[in-house]
Protein backbone atom coordinates (compact mmCIF):
# COMPACT_ATOMS: atom_id res chain seq x y z
CA MET A 1 45.67 10.34 2.33
CA ALA A 2 42.94 9.18 4.71
CA SER A 3 41.38 5.78 5.13
CA SER A 4 38.40 4.75 7.23
CA ARG A 5 38.64 3.84 10.91
CA ASP A 6 38.72 0.12 10.12
CA GLY A 7 41.64 0.60 7.72
CA ALA A 8 39.62 0.41 4.51
CA LEU A 9 41.09 2.37 1.62
CA ALA A 10 37.77 2.37 -0.22
CA ARG A 11 34.28 1.09 0.43
CA LEU A 12 30.76 0.64 -0.80
CA HIS A 13 28.04 0.84 1.85
CA GLN A 14 24.55 -0.27 0.86
CA ALA A 15 25.35 0.88 -2.67
CA SER A 16 22.69 0.44 -5.34
CA LYS A 17 22.70 1.26 -9.03
CA SER A 18 20.13 0.78 -11.77
CA TYR A 19 20.17 1.22 -15.53
CA GLY A 20 16.58 1.91 -16.42
CA LYS A 21 14.63 -1.14 -15.20
CA VAL A 22 17.78 -3.23 -14.74
CA ASN A 23 19.03 -3.31 -11.15
CA ALA A 24 22.79 -3.76 -11.44
CA LEU A 25 23.59 -3.49 -7.70
CA HIS A 26 21.34 -4.06 -4.69
CA GLY A 27 22.63 -2.67 -1.39
CA VAL A 28 26.20 -3.90 -1.76
CA ASP A 29 28.72 -3.59 1.10
CA LEU A 30 32.37 -3.94 0.12
CA ALA A 31 35.61 -2.80 1.79
CA LEU A 32 39.06 -2.66 0.14
CA ARG A 33 42.07 -2.75 2.46
CA GLY A 34 45.80 -2.18 2.18
CA GLY A 35 48.12 -5.17 2.20
CA GLU A 36 45.39 -7.36 0.78
CA LEU A 37 44.33 -8.68 -2.60
CA LEU A 38 40.57 -8.93 -3.03
CA ALA A 39 39.38 -11.11 -5.90
CA LEU A 40 35.98 -9.95 -7.14
CA LEU A 41 34.32 -12.88 -8.89
CA GLY A 42 30.98 -13.52 -10.50
CA PRO A 43 29.31 -14.54 -13.75
CA ASN A 44 28.65 -11.98 -16.48
CA GLY A 45 26.04 -9.49 -15.33
CA ALA A 46 26.80 -10.09 -11.65
CA GLY A 47 27.52 -6.40 -10.97
CA LYS A 48 31.33 -6.49 -10.74
CA THR A 49 31.89 -3.84 -13.42
CA THR A 50 29.29 -1.55 -11.87
CA ALA A 51 30.84 -1.92 -8.41
CA ILE A 52 34.28 -1.00 -9.76
CA GLY A 53 32.81 1.86 -11.79
CA LEU A 54 31.38 3.34 -8.58
CA LEU A 55 34.69 3.00 -6.72
CA LEU A 56 36.57 4.64 -9.59
CA GLY A 57 34.12 7.52 -9.76
CA LEU A 58 33.05 6.60 -13.29
CA LEU A 59 29.47 6.05 -12.09
CA ARG A 60 27.26 7.57 -9.40
CA ALA A 61 25.31 5.38 -6.97
CA ASP A 62 21.54 5.77 -6.88
CA ALA A 63 21.58 4.99 -3.15
CA GLY A 64 24.12 4.25 -0.44
CA THR A 65 27.60 5.69 -0.04
CA VAL A 66 30.86 5.27 -1.94
CA GLU A 67 34.22 6.34 -0.51
CA LEU A 68 37.74 6.38 -1.94
CA PHE A 69 40.32 7.20 0.73
CA GLY A 70 37.49 8.73 2.74
CA GLN A 71 36.53 11.07 -0.11
CA ASP A 72 34.23 11.28 -3.09
CA PRO A 73 35.74 8.97 -5.74
CA GLN A 74 35.55 11.80 -8.26
CA ASN A 75 37.88 13.93 -6.13
CA ILE A 76 41.18 14.30 -7.99
CA ASP A 77 43.21 14.06 -4.76
CA ALA A 78 41.74 10.59 -4.13
CA ARG A 79 42.12 9.45 -7.73
CA ARG A 80 45.87 10.25 -7.71
CA HIS A 81 46.36 7.31 -5.35
CA ILE A 82 44.82 4.62 -7.53
CA GLY A 83 46.09 2.68 -10.52
CA VAL A 84 43.79 1.05 -13.05
CA MET A 85 44.24 -1.68 -15.62
CA LEU A 86 41.00 -2.23 -17.53
CA GLN A 87 40.21 -4.89 -20.14
CA ASP A 88 40.12 -2.37 -22.97
CA ALA A 89 42.86 0.23 -23.28
CA ASN A 90 43.00 2.66 -26.20
CA LEU A 91 46.62 3.83 -26.16
CA PRO A 92 48.52 5.72 -28.89
CA SER A 93 50.04 3.01 -31.06
CA THR A 94 52.92 5.16 -32.34
CA LEU A 95 54.35 6.09 -28.94
CA ARG A 96 57.21 4.00 -27.60
CA VAL A 97 56.71 2.09 -24.37
CA GLY A 98 59.13 4.33 -22.48
CA GLU A 99 57.27 7.42 -23.72
CA LEU A 100 53.94 6.00 -22.57
CA ILE A 101 55.27 5.27 -19.09
CA ARG A 102 56.92 8.69 -18.85
CA LEU A 103 53.73 10.44 -19.98
CA THR A 104 51.51 8.54 -17.54
CA SER A 105 53.98 9.09 -14.68
CA SER A 106 53.75 12.85 -15.20
CA TRP A 107 50.16 12.83 -13.95
CA TYR A 108 51.21 11.71 -10.44
CA PRO A 109 52.97 13.65 -7.65
CA ALA A 110 55.63 11.04 -6.75
CA PRO A 111 55.79 8.39 -9.47
CA ARG A 112 58.18 5.50 -9.85
CA SER A 113 60.99 5.97 -12.32
CA VAL A 114 60.39 4.68 -15.84
CA GLN A 115 62.99 1.96 -15.27
CA GLU A 116 61.46 0.79 -11.98
CA SER A 117 57.96 0.64 -13.47
CA ALA A 118 59.24 -1.22 -16.51
CA GLU A 119 61.18 -3.75 -14.44
CA LEU A 120 58.25 -4.44 -12.12
CA ALA A 121 55.99 -5.06 -15.12
CA GLY A 122 58.58 -7.05 -17.04
CA VAL A 123 58.80 -4.65 -19.99
CA ALA A 124 62.30 -3.21 -19.50
CA ASP A 125 63.36 -4.77 -22.80
CA LEU A 126 60.48 -3.09 -24.65
CA LEU A 127 61.06 0.57 -23.77
CA GLU A 128 62.14 1.56 -27.28
CA ARG A 129 59.41 -0.43 -29.05
CA PRO A 130 56.28 1.30 -30.44
CA TYR A 131 53.22 0.18 -28.47
CA GLY A 132 51.32 -0.72 -31.64
CA LYS A 133 54.04 -3.18 -32.69
CA LEU A 134 53.71 -5.30 -29.54
CA SER A 135 51.85 -8.57 -29.14
CA GLY A 136 48.64 -8.67 -27.12
CA GLY A 137 50.40 -10.13 -24.10
CA GLN A 138 53.16 -7.52 -24.28
CA GLN A 139 50.59 -4.74 -24.48
CA ARG A 140 48.92 -6.08 -21.32
CA ARG A 141 52.25 -5.96 -19.50
CA VAL A 142 52.74 -2.34 -20.64
CA GLN A 143 49.25 -1.51 -19.35
CA PHE A 144 50.27 -3.01 -16.00
CA ALA A 145 53.34 -0.76 -15.97
CA LEU A 146 51.11 2.27 -16.55
CA ALA A 147 48.78 1.17 -13.72
CA LEU A 148 51.58 0.94 -11.16
CA CYS A 149 53.85 3.81 -12.25
CA GLY A 150 52.15 6.39 -9.99
CA ARG A 151 52.82 4.37 -6.79
CA PRO A 152 49.12 3.69 -6.22
CA ARG A 153 47.94 2.68 -2.77
CA LEU A 154 45.03 0.91 -4.44
CA LEU A 155 45.29 -0.95 -7.72
CA PHE A 156 42.35 -2.15 -9.83
CA LEU A 157 43.21 -5.02 -12.20
CA ASP A 158 40.50 -6.17 -14.61
CA GLU A 159 41.41 -9.50 -16.28
CA PRO A 160 45.11 -8.53 -16.18
CA THR A 161 46.65 -11.71 -17.63
CA VAL A 162 44.42 -12.22 -20.68
CA GLY A 163 46.65 -12.92 -23.67
CA MET A 164 49.77 -13.63 -21.61
CA ASP A 165 51.83 -16.79 -21.86
CA ILE A 166 52.65 -18.86 -18.77
CA GLU A 167 56.00 -17.17 -18.09
CA ALA A 168 54.58 -13.64 -18.41
CA ARG A 169 51.64 -14.55 -16.19
CA SER A 170 53.98 -15.93 -13.52
CA LYS A 171 56.06 -12.73 -13.57
CA LEU A 172 52.95 -10.57 -13.26
CA TRP A 173 51.77 -12.66 -10.30
CA SER A 174 55.14 -12.04 -8.63
CA ALA A 175 54.83 -8.30 -9.22
CA ILE A 176 51.31 -8.26 -7.77
CA ARG A 177 52.49 -10.12 -4.66
CA HIS A 178 55.31 -7.57 -4.32
CA LEU A 179 52.84 -4.67 -4.41
CA VAL A 180 50.59 -6.29 -1.80
CA ALA A 181 53.60 -7.01 0.43
CA GLU A 182 54.42 -3.28 0.30
CA GLY A 183 51.04 -2.60 1.93
CA ASN A 184 49.06 -1.66 -1.16
CA GLY A 185 45.54 -2.87 -1.82
CA VAL A 186 44.71 -4.75 -5.03
CA VAL A 187 41.30 -5.51 -6.51
CA LEU A 188 41.38 -8.31 -9.06
CA THR A 189 38.63 -9.42 -11.41
CA THR A 190 39.41 -12.55 -13.39
CA HIS A 191 37.78 -15.50 -15.10
CA TYR A 192 40.91 -17.57 -14.37
CA LEU A 193 39.86 -19.02 -11.03
CA GLU A 194 43.28 -20.59 -10.49
CA GLU A 195 44.61 -17.02 -10.59
CA ALA A 196 42.27 -15.91 -7.82
CA GLU A 197 43.10 -19.05 -5.83
CA ALA A 198 46.84 -18.35 -6.13
CA LEU A 199 46.73 -14.63 -5.30
CA ALA A 200 43.69 -13.70 -3.24
CA ASP A 201 43.68 -13.00 0.48
CA ARG A 202 39.92 -12.51 0.28
CA VAL A 203 37.35 -13.50 -2.32
CA CYS A 204 34.03 -11.76 -2.92
CA VAL A 205 31.53 -13.65 -5.07
CA MET A 206 28.76 -11.61 -6.69
CA ALA A 207 25.61 -12.67 -8.51
CA ARG A 208 22.55 -10.72 -9.65
CA GLY A 209 23.88 -7.48 -8.18
CA ARG A 210 24.50 -8.84 -4.68
CA VAL A 211 27.42 -10.18 -2.68
CA ILE A 212 26.52 -13.83 -2.09
CA SER A 213 29.72 -14.96 -0.38
CA GLU A 214 32.85 -13.34 1.01
CA GLY A 215 35.87 -14.72 2.82
CA SER A 216 39.20 -16.46 2.33
CA VAL A 217 39.68 -19.05 -0.41
CA ASP A 218 39.67 -21.80 2.21
CA ALA A 219 36.45 -20.46 3.75
CA LEU A 220 34.70 -20.47 0.38
CA ARG A 221 35.94 -23.97 -0.40
CA ALA A 222 34.66 -25.15 2.99
CA ARG A 223 31.13 -24.03 2.09
CA VAL A 224 30.95 -26.71 -0.59
CA ALA A 225 30.24 -30.20 0.72
CA MET A 226 31.46 -31.94 -2.45
CA LYS A 227 34.85 -33.61 -2.17
CA ARG A 228 37.03 -35.66 -4.51
CA VAL A 229 38.23 -39.11 -3.53
CA ARG A 230 41.14 -40.31 -5.67
CA CYS A 231 42.66 -43.77 -5.56
CA THR A 232 43.94 -46.76 -7.49
CA THR A 233 41.30 -49.47 -7.30
CA GLN A 234 40.22 -52.52 -9.24
CA LEU A 235 36.55 -52.03 -8.34
CA PRO A 236 34.34 -51.49 -11.42
CA ILE A 237 33.02 -47.97 -11.92
CA GLU A 238 29.45 -49.34 -12.08
CA ILE A 239 29.69 -50.63 -8.49
CA ILE A 240 31.05 -47.36 -7.11
CA GLU A 241 28.42 -45.28 -8.95
CA ALA A 242 25.67 -47.17 -7.09
CA TRP A 243 26.95 -46.19 -3.63
CA PRO A 244 24.96 -43.59 -1.63
CA GLY A 245 26.25 -40.06 -1.97
CA VAL A 246 28.34 -40.70 -5.08
CA VAL A 247 27.72 -38.02 -7.72
CA GLU A 248 30.26 -38.94 -10.40
CA VAL A 249 32.99 -41.49 -11.04
CA THR A 250 35.71 -41.07 -13.65
CA ARG A 251 38.81 -43.09 -14.44
CA GLU A 252 41.95 -41.84 -16.12
CA HIS A 253 44.65 -44.41 -16.74
CA ASP A 254 44.88 -46.28 -13.43
CA ARG A 255 43.43 -43.49 -11.22
CA THR A 256 39.79 -43.36 -10.17
CA CYS A 257 38.19 -40.06 -9.13
CA ILE A 258 34.95 -40.07 -7.15
CA ALA A 259 32.91 -36.90 -6.56
CA THR A 260 30.86 -37.26 -3.38
CA GLU A 261 29.43 -35.43 -0.39
CA GLN A 262 30.15 -38.47 1.78
CA ALA A 263 33.88 -38.83 1.24
CA GLU A 264 34.65 -40.59 4.51
CA CYS A 265 31.96 -43.23 3.93
CA VAL A 266 33.19 -43.82 0.39
CA ALA A 267 36.77 -44.18 1.63
CA ARG A 268 35.69 -46.80 4.18
CA ARG A 269 33.85 -48.79 1.51
CA LEU A 270 36.87 -48.71 -0.75
CA LEU A 271 39.13 -49.97 2.02
CA ALA A 272 36.68 -52.71 2.98
CA LEU A 273 36.06 -54.01 -0.56
CA ASP A 274 39.47 -53.68 -2.20
CA ALA A 275 42.45 -55.26 -0.44
CA GLU A 276 44.71 -53.91 -3.21
CA LEU A 277 43.56 -50.29 -2.81
CA ALA A 278 46.42 -47.78 -3.17
CA ASP A 279 47.13 -44.03 -3.36
CA LEU A 280 43.95 -43.05 -1.50
CA GLU A 281 43.47 -39.31 -1.00
CA ILE A 282 40.55 -37.00 -0.22
CA ARG A 283 40.52 -33.43 -1.48
CA ALA A 284 38.19 -30.57 -0.66
CA ALA A 285 36.57 -28.64 -3.49
CA GLY A 286 38.79 -26.23 -5.38
CA LEU A 287 37.82 -22.58 -5.81
CA ALA A 288 36.47 -23.34 -9.29
CA GLU A 289 34.10 -25.97 -7.89
CA ALA A 290 33.08 -23.71 -5.02
CA PHE A 291 32.41 -20.84 -7.43
CA THR A 292 30.30 -23.06 -9.69
CA GLU A 293 28.28 -24.33 -6.73
CA LEU A 294 27.76 -20.89 -5.17
CA THR A 295 26.63 -19.26 -8.42
CA ARG A 296 24.15 -21.96 -9.45
CA ASP A 297 20.80 -20.30 -10.05
CA ASP A 298 18.98 -22.17 -7.28
CA ASN A 299 21.73 -21.41 -4.76
CA VAL A 300 21.76 -17.71 -5.66
CA ALA A 301 17.98 -17.53 -5.31
CA SER A 302 18.03 -19.19 -1.85
CA LEU A 303 20.83 -16.90 -0.66
CA GLN A 304 18.92 -13.83 -1.81
CA GLU A 305 15.76 -15.02 -0.05
CA ALA A 306 17.75 -15.56 3.14
CA ALA A 307 19.09 -12.02 2.88
C-alpha cells in the first residue's frame, strides 16, 4: 500500500468544502504519517469533522486534493487499511462482543485474531456478553476493538475515551501508544486536552475552517507568553495584583499562583520583598491554556488576516 514521497499515509492539500453558504474548510493542508499520533483540536464548528470526512471518503472536496495511501479515499483498497472509531456507533445490540469482532474482522484481508483484538482493547472478559448489555464505557472499548481488528495502518479515533473511567482510559492510552510504536498512524480528536497532551506527537489546531497552528505540544505551549508562578509567600494578594504584567492571582491553602507574561520579573520581586519566600516555581502554559489562547476570536481573526 503506497504512501507519498514524504512518508504521509494520507493528506489534504488546499482542501476546501462548503455546505451551501457555510464554508467548512478553506484551503487546508494536513499530512498524516505512520508512527505518529496527530491530535486534531478545535472548537465546535472548526472543521475537524469535515476534514476527517474527506480523508475517510465520506465527503468530496469542492477544491484541492485528498489522498489516502496515495489513492482516492473512496477506493476500497485504500479503505481496507484504515480503522475508524466515531462518536456515534449503531451496532447490533443482540450480538455478543466476540461475534461483533469476528464479523468486523471478516471484512479485512489479514485481521488480528479475535483474542488479540479483545486483549488490546481490554475487552477479553466481555467476549460472551451481548453488546446491548454493556455500559457506555464498555461499549466504547468494544468499538476500539472493532477499529483495530483489521490491522489498520491508519486509525481515526473520534473522542475515544468518552464515558470511560480512569482505569479504562489509562488502558486505552497504553493500547494507542502500542499501535503508534508499531509504526501505525493515529488521528485523535478529543475535548480532553490532557489526553492530547499525554499522547500527541503533533497537534493541529483548527478554527473557522483553517489550520491556525501546528506542531509539537511543546511548540504550541511556547507560543503562549502566559506563565504560572507558584510559591509560598506572605505577601498580600492585593500587592501582587498591582504589579506590572500580573493578570491573575489566586491562593489555595498556603500556595499562591500568579498568572503573568513577565514571570522572571515577578519572581525577582517576590524574592526581593519576601525573605520567607519558599517553593518558588515557574511553569509554562499547559496545552489547555495554549489552546484557549490560540482559539480566542481576536487571535483567530489576526491569524487568518496574516494568512
